[in-house]
Each structure stands twice: as C-alpha cells, then as structure tokens.
Amino acid sequence: MTDYRTGCMVCGKPLHYLESPEQHECAYCHKVQMANAVCVDGHFVCDRCHQLGADDAIEQYCTKTTETDPIRMAITLMQNPVVNMHGPEHHFLVPAVLLAAYCNITGQPDRKAKLIATARERAGMIKGGACGFMGDCGAAVGTGIFISLVTGATPLSHREWQQANLVVAKSLMTIAMHGGPRCCKRNTFLAIQGAVAFAAENLDVKIPIDPKVTCQFYGMNTECRTTDCPFYPVR
C-alpha cells in the first residue's frame, strides 16, 4: 500500500470538504462513520485510521528522547513518513513535545511516560478538521492539554483552570491572525512558540527553542501561503 503524506491517504488526490457530515465507510477499517471530508474519488479514512502509527511514533519518541527543544522534536517527528502533512496526529504532537521538553528540563523523567500517555488520550477527543468546522484548532487545544497536565488542572481548579484556558485562547488568537487555509505545520509551530512563552511567564519554566524556525514541508502543502507564512524559507 502506498503511503501518501498529503491529500487522500488511499490515492493521494485532493480532499473535498462536505457542507454537512455524511455517512461513509472507512477505506481501512470499513466502519461506517460520519465524515466531514472525502477525497475527489470518494475515499474516506476515519480519524482513528488516519492517526494509526503516527500517535505510536510520537508517544515512543517523546517518552524516550532527552531533547529539550520542542520545535526540534516536532520537526524530527514531522519527518517521519507516518506523520501526514495535515491530520489530527498534530493535536497530540503539540502537547507530547511540550511535555517531553518540560519533563527533561525540570528533571522529572519518571512523570513523562504517564503524562504523555494521558495527553494522547485527551488529544484523541479532538476531531480532525476542528479548526474549520468548530473554530478550534487542535494544535491550540494541545497547548491547553500541556498546561492542564503539568499544573494538575481539573474542571474544579482555580488558577490552573484559568491558565489552561488562557494558553489556548492566546494560541488560537495567534493562529487565527495568520489566516487560513489550515496548515498543520504552521499552526503546530505557532502553538509551540506560544506555549513556550506562556510557560516562561506563568510557570517560570524556560523551554529553549530555535528562534529561527523554517518549514521543510511547504512543498507537500498544496495550500501553502508561501511568503505569507512566517516559517516559509524562501524570501
């Protein structure tokens, strides 16, 4: 089976986003589910199958790595063929690299595996296409998962609840101001940068990141905004 990293996972052709959800059979697991998008040839891949393999790679890498730069981690993971150009795996990738960096910097490697596993479970609740269909980019929500886990926030918390919601609000604002269409790479970079700044200001934890981030994946993105993207390398 060919592994297409952009467009339809079955044939590589462009996706067609539906005006309202329709029932379609997943080309991989054959379960009939409500679909928000199918390819131009009618293929549908459910979120679970879309993420299959990617989440495993993200969890394994982030649990074991000693790297402290979450942007560097993100790029390493994005270079893995199982991580698609776009897809809900980025909803998990964001909190996973942030948690790995946080635990490595603060000397809490024993917490890392459990925190990342919990982040994977929570990120799995964020549907693909949430950015356009719900106005709630999964990369931004991933920053809230990160802050919630490191602060121990719950729906009944006080300051921790505030911080988890505030980091998502700030991430969403930044992502929104850069405009559409969606780009999971751009939004991931923006979300990580915002979460790192938030952690420094609110948690007194300084996570190092490369200030000169450039995208290596623009050639795979048919909707790339080129020079309108802050990470486009050609100026």
C-alpha atoms as a PDB file:
ATOM      1  CA  MET A   1       0.000   0.000   0.000  1.00  0.00           C
ATOM      2  CA  THR A   2       1.387   3.442  -0.957  1.00  0.00           C
ATOM      3  CA  ASP A   3       1.744   5.883   1.927  1.00  0.00           C
ATOM      4  CA  TYR A   4       0.522   9.275   0.721  1.00  0.00           C
ATOM      5  CA  ARG A   5       1.581  12.042   3.102  1.00  0.00           C
ATOM      6  CA  THR A   6      -0.739  14.694   1.739  1.00  0.00           C
ATOM      7  CA  GLY A   7      -4.281  14.619   0.357  1.00  0.00           C
ATOM      8  CA  CYS A   8      -6.129  11.302   0.361  1.00  0.00           C
ATOM      9  CA  MET A   9      -4.295   8.539   2.238  1.00  0.00           C
ATOM     10  CA  VAL A  10      -5.685   5.979  -0.224  1.00  0.00           C
ATOM     11  CA  CYS A  11      -4.890   7.618  -3.570  1.00  0.00           C
ATOM     12  CA  GLY A  12      -3.162  10.940  -2.834  1.00  0.00           C
ATOM     13  CA  LYS A  13      -5.816  13.030  -4.603  1.00  0.00           C
ATOM     14  CA  PRO A  14      -7.222  16.259  -3.059  1.00  0.00           C
ATOM     15  CA  LEU A  15      -9.816  16.162  -0.287  1.00  0.00           C
ATOM     16  CA  HIS A  16     -13.302  17.578  -0.719  1.00  0.00           C
ATOM     17  CA  TYR A  17     -14.819  19.082   2.439  1.00  0.00           C
ATOM     18  CA  LEU A  18     -18.547  18.479   2.765  1.00  0.00           C
ATOM     19  CA  GLU A  19     -21.089  21.156   3.646  1.00  0.00           C
ATOM     20  CA  SER A  20     -22.628  18.788   6.196  1.00  0.00           C
ATOM     21  CA  PRO A  21     -21.439  15.410   7.555  1.00  0.00           C
ATOM     22  CA  GLU A  22     -22.347  12.285   5.598  1.00  0.00           C
ATOM     23  CA  GLN A  23     -22.036   8.583   6.363  1.00  0.00           C
ATOM     24  CA  HIS A  24     -19.082   6.926   4.654  1.00  0.00           C
ATOM     25  CA  GLU A  25     -17.246   3.654   5.081  1.00  0.00           C
ATOM     26  CA  CYS A  26     -13.599   3.944   6.136  1.00  0.00           C
ATOM     27  CA  ALA A  27     -11.350   2.535   3.423  1.00  0.00           C
ATOM     28  CA  TYR A  28      -9.137   0.911   6.067  1.00  0.00           C
ATOM     29  CA  CYS A  29     -11.228  -0.341   8.999  1.00  0.00           C
ATOM     30  CA  HIS A  30     -14.516  -0.459   6.991  1.00  0.00           C
ATOM     31  CA  LYS A  31     -16.523   1.063   9.821  1.00  0.00           C
ATOM     32  CA  VAL A  32     -19.294   3.399   8.682  1.00  0.00           C
ATOM     33  CA  GLN A  33     -18.908   6.803  10.318  1.00  0.00           C
ATOM     34  CA  MET A  34     -19.959  10.404   9.811  1.00  0.00           C
ATOM     35  CA  ALA A  35     -17.442  12.073   7.523  1.00  0.00           C
ATOM     36  CA  ASN A  36     -16.644  15.763   7.095  1.00  0.00           C
ATOM     37  CA  ALA A  37     -14.338  15.158   4.154  1.00  0.00           C
ATOM     38  CA  VAL A  38     -13.799  12.610   1.381  1.00  0.00           C
ATOM     39  CA  CYS A  39     -11.370  12.670  -1.496  1.00  0.00           C
ATOM     40  CA  VAL A  40     -12.469  13.615  -5.003  1.00  0.00           C
ATOM     41  CA  ASP A  41     -12.753   9.884  -5.790  1.00  0.00           C
ATOM     42  CA  GLY A  42     -14.915   9.247  -2.724  1.00  0.00           C
ATOM     43  CA  HIS A  43     -12.363   7.612  -0.425  1.00  0.00           C
ATOM     44  CA  PHE A  44     -12.838   8.205   3.320  1.00  0.00           C
ATOM     45  CA  VAL A  45     -10.364   7.459   6.117  1.00  0.00           C
ATOM     46  CA  CYS A  46     -11.599   7.854   9.706  1.00  0.00           C
ATOM     47  CA  ASP A  47      -9.587   9.788  12.297  1.00  0.00           C
ATOM     48  CA  ARG A  48      -8.516   6.605  14.072  1.00  0.00           C
ATOM     49  CA  CYS A  49      -7.030   5.056  10.945  1.00  0.00           C
ATOM     50  CA  HIS A  50      -5.640   8.427   9.846  1.00  0.00           C
ATOM     51  CA  GLN A  51      -3.635   8.544  13.074  1.00  0.00           C
ATOM     52  CA  LEU A  52      -2.712   4.875  13.213  1.00  0.00           C
ATOM     53  CA  GLY A  53       1.036   4.626  13.519  1.00  0.00           C
ATOM     54  CA  ALA A  54       1.635   8.355  13.933  1.00  0.00           C
ATOM     55  CA  ASP A  55       0.473   8.518  17.554  1.00  0.00           C
ATOM     56  CA  ASP A  56       2.550   5.443  18.382  1.00  0.00           C
ATOM     57  CA  ALA A  57       5.652   7.062  16.874  1.00  0.00           C
ATOM     58  CA  ILE A  58       5.003  10.339  18.690  1.00  0.00           C
ATOM     59  CA  GLU A  59       4.480   8.676  22.069  1.00  0.00           C
ATOM     60  CA  GLN A  60       7.511   6.409  21.771  1.00  0.00           C
ATOM     61  CA  TYR A  61       9.866   9.172  20.625  1.00  0.00           C
ATOM     62  CA  CYS A  62       8.740  11.780  23.151  1.00  0.00           C
ATOM     63  CA  THR A  63       8.848   9.323  26.045  1.00  0.00           C
ATOM     64  CA  LYS A  64      12.437   8.308  25.297  1.00  0.00           C
ATOM     65  CA  THR A  65      14.066  11.486  23.991  1.00  0.00           C
ATOM     66  CA  THR A  66      16.352  13.677  26.103  1.00  0.00           C
ATOM     67  CA  GLU A  67      15.908  16.624  23.702  1.00  0.00           C
ATOM     68  CA  THR A  68      14.772  19.896  25.304  1.00  0.00           C
ATOM     69  CA  ASP A  69      13.755  21.919  22.226  1.00  0.00           C
ATOM     70  CA  PRO A  70      10.111  21.075  21.347  1.00  0.00           C
ATOM     71  CA  ILE A  71      10.383  22.645  17.886  1.00  0.00           C
ATOM     72  CA  ARG A  72      13.329  20.398  17.101  1.00  0.00           C
ATOM     73  CA  MET A  73      11.328  17.413  18.370  1.00  0.00           C
ATOM     74  CA  ALA A  74       8.330  18.412  16.261  1.00  0.00           C
ATOM     75  CA  ILE A  75      10.399  18.657  13.074  1.00  0.00           C
ATOM     76  CA  THR A  76      12.010  15.285  13.759  1.00  0.00           C
ATOM     77  CA  LEU A  77       8.573  13.712  14.138  1.00  0.00           C
ATOM     78  CA  MET A  78       7.167  15.504  11.089  1.00  0.00           C
ATOM     79  CA  GLN A  79       9.966  13.978   9.007  1.00  0.00           C
ATOM     80  CA  ASN A  80       8.633  10.525   9.877  1.00  0.00           C
ATOM     81  CA  PRO A  81       6.539   9.224   6.930  1.00  0.00           C
ATOM     82  CA  VAL A  82       3.732   8.147   9.289  1.00  0.00           C
ATOM     83  CA  VAL A  83       3.071  11.811  10.183  1.00  0.00           C
ATOM     84  CA  ASN A  84       0.969  13.274   7.405  1.00  0.00           C
ATOM     85  CA  MET A  85       1.198  16.813   6.070  1.00  0.00           C
ATOM     86  CA  HIS A  86      -2.157  17.517   7.699  1.00  0.00           C
ATOM     87  CA  GLY A  87      -4.079  15.452  10.210  1.00  0.00           C
ATOM     88  CA  PRO A  88      -5.261  15.017  13.798  1.00  0.00           C
ATOM     89  CA  GLU A  89      -1.930  13.488  14.824  1.00  0.00           C
ATOM     90  CA  HIS A  90      -0.741  17.088  15.252  1.00  0.00           C
ATOM     91  CA  HIS A  91      -3.277  17.520  18.072  1.00  0.00           C
ATOM     92  CA  PHE A  92      -1.221  15.004  20.063  1.00  0.00           C
ATOM     93  CA  LEU A  93       2.174  16.028  18.717  1.00  0.00           C
ATOM     94  CA  VAL A  94       1.934  19.513  20.273  1.00  0.00           C
ATOM     95  CA  PRO A  95       1.373  18.511  23.917  1.00  0.00           C
ATOM     96  CA  ALA A  96       3.689  15.495  23.553  1.00  0.00           C
ATOM     97  CA  VAL A  97       6.760  17.510  22.560  1.00  0.00           C
ATOM     98  CA  LEU A  98       5.960  20.202  25.128  1.00  0.00           C
ATOM     99  CA  LEU A  99       5.583  17.633  27.916  1.00  0.00           C
ATOM    100  CA  ALA A 100       8.798  15.893  26.893  1.00  0.00           C
ATOM    101  CA  ALA A 101      10.700  19.179  26.944  1.00  0.00           C
ATOM    102  CA  TYR A 102       9.137  20.224  30.263  1.00  0.00           C
ATOM    103  CA  CYS A 103       9.967  16.942  32.000  1.00  0.00           C
ATOM    104  CA  ASN A 104      13.502  16.844  30.589  1.00  0.00           C
ATOM    105  CA  ILE A 105      14.209  20.413  31.699  1.00  0.00           C
ATOM    106  CA  THR A 106      12.654  20.134  35.150  1.00  0.00           C
ATOM    107  CA  GLY A 107      14.273  16.774  35.891  1.00  0.00           C
ATOM    108  CA  GLN A 108      11.062  14.744  36.030  1.00  0.00           C
ATOM    109  CA  PRO A 109      11.689  11.877  33.596  1.00  0.00           C
ATOM    110  CA  ASP A 110       9.633   9.500  35.749  1.00  0.00           C
ATOM    111  CA  ARG A 111       6.471  11.563  35.105  1.00  0.00           C
ATOM    112  CA  LYS A 112       6.982  11.801  31.374  1.00  0.00           C
ATOM    113  CA  ALA A 113       5.537   8.490  30.172  1.00  0.00           C
ATOM    114  CA  LYS A 114       2.321   8.836  32.158  1.00  0.00           C
ATOM    115  CA  LEU A 115       1.795  12.485  31.201  1.00  0.00           C
ATOM    116  CA  ILE A 116       2.349  11.783  27.500  1.00  0.00           C
ATOM    117  CA  ALA A 117       0.029   8.774  27.566  1.00  0.00           C
ATOM    118  CA  THR A 118      -2.678  10.925  29.154  1.00  0.00           C
ATOM    119  CA  ALA A 119      -2.092  13.652  26.579  1.00  0.00           C
ATOM    120  CA  ARG A 120      -2.593  11.086  23.821  1.00  0.00           C
ATOM    121  CA  GLU A 121      -5.922  10.034  25.310  1.00  0.00           C
ATOM    122  CA  ARG A 122      -7.137  13.623  25.618  1.00  0.00           C
ATOM    123  CA  ALA A 123      -5.914  14.674  22.182  1.00  0.00           C
ATOM    124  CA  GLY A 124      -7.814  11.753  20.679  1.00  0.00           C
ATOM    125  CA  MET A 125     -11.050  13.510  21.598  1.00  0.00           C
ATOM    126  CA  ILE A 126     -10.280  16.407  19.217  1.00  0.00           C
ATOM    127  CA  LYS A 127     -11.817  15.722  15.833  1.00  0.00           C
ATOM    128  CA  GLY A 128      -9.980  16.232  12.571  1.00  0.00           C
ATOM    129  CA  GLY A 129     -10.986  19.460  10.837  1.00  0.00           C
ATOM    130  CA  ALA A 130     -11.961  21.135  14.136  1.00  0.00           C
ATOM    131  CA  CYS A 131     -10.090  24.262  13.015  1.00  0.00           C
ATOM    132  CA  GLY A 132     -12.508  24.937  10.166  1.00  0.00           C
ATOM    133  CA  PHE A 133     -15.670  23.240  11.393  1.00  0.00           C
ATOM    134  CA  MET A 134     -15.551  24.413  15.019  1.00  0.00           C
ATOM    135  CA  GLY A 135     -13.119  27.338  15.027  1.00  0.00           C
ATOM    136  CA  ASP A 136     -10.948  25.465  17.489  1.00  0.00           C
ATOM    137  CA  CYS A 137      -7.566  24.396  16.082  1.00  0.00           C
ATOM    138  CA  GLY A 138      -6.383  21.143  17.652  1.00  0.00           C
ATOM    139  CA  ALA A 139      -2.807  22.428  17.898  1.00  0.00           C
ATOM    140  CA  ALA A 140      -4.035  25.254  20.132  1.00  0.00           C
ATOM    141  CA  VAL A 141      -6.080  22.833  22.233  1.00  0.00           C
ATOM    142  CA  GLY A 142      -2.890  20.799  22.569  1.00  0.00           C
ATOM    143  CA  THR A 143      -1.280  23.674  24.447  1.00  0.00           C
ATOM    144  CA  GLY A 144      -4.174  23.540  26.913  1.00  0.00           C
ATOM    145  CA  ILE A 145      -3.625  19.815  27.378  1.00  0.00           C
ATOM    146  CA  PHE A 146       0.035  20.538  28.143  1.00  0.00           C
ATOM    147  CA  ILE A 147      -0.686  23.242  30.727  1.00  0.00           C
ATOM    148  CA  SER A 148      -3.533  21.258  32.264  1.00  0.00           C
ATOM    149  CA  LEU A 149      -1.314  18.224  32.804  1.00  0.00           C
ATOM    150  CA  VAL A 150       1.719  19.999  34.240  1.00  0.00           C
ATOM    151  CA  THR A 151      -0.415  22.105  36.604  1.00  0.00           C
ATOM    152  CA  GLY A 152      -2.862  19.332  37.528  1.00  0.00           C
ATOM    153  CA  ALA A 153      -5.869  21.326  36.354  1.00  0.00           C
ATOM    154  CA  THR A 154      -9.389  19.926  36.572  1.00  0.00           C
ATOM    155  CA  PRO A 155     -12.804  21.464  35.820  1.00  0.00           C
ATOM    156  CA  LEU A 156     -12.921  22.484  39.508  1.00  0.00           C
ATOM    157  CA  SER A 157      -9.478  24.102  39.667  1.00  0.00           C
ATOM    158  CA  HIS A 158      -8.961  27.825  40.143  1.00  0.00           C
ATOM    159  CA  ARG A 159      -5.715  29.308  38.820  1.00  0.00           C
ATOM    160  CA  GLU A 160      -4.815  26.086  36.993  1.00  0.00           C
ATOM    161  CA  TRP A 161      -8.172  26.141  35.171  1.00  0.00           C
ATOM    162  CA  GLN A 162      -7.539  29.757  34.216  1.00  0.00           C
ATOM    163  CA  GLN A 163      -4.063  29.016  32.897  1.00  0.00           C
ATOM    164  CA  ALA A 164      -5.170  26.066  30.753  1.00  0.00           C
ATOM    165  CA  ASN A 165      -7.910  28.136  29.124  1.00  0.00           C
ATOM    166  CA  LEU A 166      -5.749  31.215  28.760  1.00  0.00           C
ATOM    167  CA  VAL A 167      -2.955  29.441  26.884  1.00  0.00           C
ATOM    168  CA  VAL A 168      -5.497  28.013  24.413  1.00  0.00           C
ATOM    169  CA  ALA A 169      -7.084  31.444  23.941  1.00  0.00           C
ATOM    170  CA  LYS A 170      -3.717  33.033  23.220  1.00  0.00           C
ATOM    171  CA  SER A 171      -2.701  30.218  20.862  1.00  0.00           C
ATOM    172  CA  LEU A 172      -5.980  30.448  18.959  1.00  0.00           C
ATOM    173  CA  MET A 173      -5.634  34.195  18.584  1.00  0.00           C
ATOM    174  CA  THR A 174      -2.141  33.864  17.132  1.00  0.00           C
ATOM    175  CA  ILE A 175      -3.149  31.062  14.775  1.00  0.00           C
ATOM    176  CA  ALA A 176      -6.278  32.923  13.640  1.00  0.00           C
ATOM    177  CA  MET A 177      -4.364  36.132  12.902  1.00  0.00           C
ATOM    178  CA  HIS A 178      -2.136  34.247  10.452  1.00  0.00           C
ATOM    179  CA  GLY A 179      -5.197  33.328   8.406  1.00  0.00           C
ATOM    180  CA  GLY A 180      -6.379  30.275   6.529  1.00  0.00           C
ATOM    181  CA  PRO A 181      -6.457  27.817   4.955  1.00  0.00           C
ATOM    182  CA  ARG A 182      -5.273  25.435   7.606  1.00  0.00           C
ATOM    183  CA  CYS A 183      -1.686  24.285   7.726  1.00  0.00           C
ATOM    184  CA  CYS A 184      -0.949  21.784  10.477  1.00  0.00           C
ATOM    185  CA  LYS A 185       2.786  22.520  10.329  1.00  0.00           C
ATOM    186  CA  ARG A 186       2.374  26.308  10.644  1.00  0.00           C
ATOM    187  CA  ASN A 187      -0.209  26.002  13.417  1.00  0.00           C
ATOM    188  CA  THR A 188       1.941  23.479  15.292  1.00  0.00           C
ATOM    189  CA  PHE A 189       4.946  25.810  15.228  1.00  0.00           C
ATOM    190  CA  LEU A 190       2.825  28.783  16.340  1.00  0.00           C
ATOM    191  CA  ALA A 191       1.190  26.773  19.143  1.00  0.00           C
ATOM    192  CA  ILE A 192       4.543  25.523  20.471  1.00  0.00           C
ATOM    193  CA  GLN A 193       6.056  29.000  20.394  1.00  0.00           C
ATOM    194  CA  GLY A 194       3.074  30.400  22.280  1.00  0.00           C
ATOM    195  CA  ALA A 195       3.109  27.639  24.898  1.00  0.00           C
ATOM    196  CA  VAL A 196       6.845  28.112  25.499  1.00  0.00           C
ATOM    197  CA  ALA A 197       6.343  31.849  26.071  1.00  0.00           C
ATOM    198  CA  PHE A 198       3.382  31.117  28.363  1.00  0.00           C
ATOM    199  CA  ALA A 199       5.357  28.595  30.423  1.00  0.00           C
ATOM    200  CA  ALA A 200       8.188  31.070  30.909  1.00  0.00           C
ATOM    201  CA  GLU A 201       5.823  33.806  32.051  1.00  0.00           C
ATOM    202  CA  ASN A 202       3.414  31.783  34.167  1.00  0.00           C
ATOM    203  CA  LEU A 203       5.279  28.675  35.313  1.00  0.00           C
ATOM    204  CA  ASP A 204       8.795  30.112  35.497  1.00  0.00           C
ATOM    205  CA  VAL A 205       9.993  27.281  33.268  1.00  0.00           C
ATOM    206  CA  LYS A 206      12.213  28.330  30.386  1.00  0.00           C
ATOM    207  CA  ILE A 207      11.974  25.866  27.495  1.00  0.00           C
ATOM    208  CA  PRO A 208      14.616  26.556  24.819  1.00  0.00           C
ATOM    209  CA  ILE A 209      13.515  26.779  21.193  1.00  0.00           C
ATOM    210  CA  ASP A 210      15.273  27.766  17.994  1.00  0.00           C
ATOM    211  CA  PRO A 211      14.120  31.347  17.272  1.00  0.00           C
ATOM    212  CA  LYS A 212      14.660  30.888  13.521  1.00  0.00           C
ATOM    213  CA  VAL A 213      12.163  28.177  12.614  1.00  0.00           C
ATOM    214  CA  THR A 214      11.861  27.401   8.909  1.00  0.00           C
ATOM    215  CA  CYS A 215       9.421  24.965   7.352  1.00  0.00           C
ATOM    216  CA  GLN A 216      10.775  21.985   5.444  1.00  0.00           C
ATOM    217  CA  PHE A 217       7.355  20.765   4.345  1.00  0.00           C
ATOM    218  CA  TYR A 218       5.930  23.583   2.187  1.00  0.00           C
ATOM    219  CA  GLY A 219       6.451  21.579  -0.997  1.00  0.00           C
ATOM    220  CA  MET A 220       3.955  18.989   0.269  1.00  0.00           C
ATOM    221  CA  ASN A 221       1.248  21.560   1.006  1.00  0.00           C
ATOM    222  CA  THR A 222      -0.882  22.446  -1.999  1.00  0.00           C
ATOM    223  CA  GLU A 223      -2.480  25.278   0.030  1.00  0.00           C
ATOM    224  CA  CYS A 224       0.819  26.748   1.280  1.00  0.00           C
ATOM    225  CA  ARG A 225       0.574  30.514   1.757  1.00  0.00           C
ATOM    226  CA  THR A 226       4.272  30.846   0.834  1.00  0.00           C
ATOM    227  CA  THR A 227       5.588  34.296   1.771  1.00  0.00           C
ATOM    228  CA  ASP A 228       2.503  34.991   3.903  1.00  0.00           C
ATOM    229  CA  CYS A 229       3.655  32.275   6.306  1.00  0.00           C
ATOM    230  CA  PRO A 230       6.262  33.280   8.923  1.00  0.00           C
ATOM    231  CA  PHE A 231       8.032  29.930   8.503  1.00  0.00           C
ATOM    232  CA  TYR A 232       8.321  29.934   4.693  1.00  0.00           C
ATOM    233  CA  PRO A 233      12.065  29.678   3.988  1.00  0.00           C
ATOM    234  CA  VAL A 234      12.161  31.422   0.602  1.00  0.00           C
ATOM    235  CA  ARG A 235      12.141  35.219   0.876  1.00  0.00           C
END
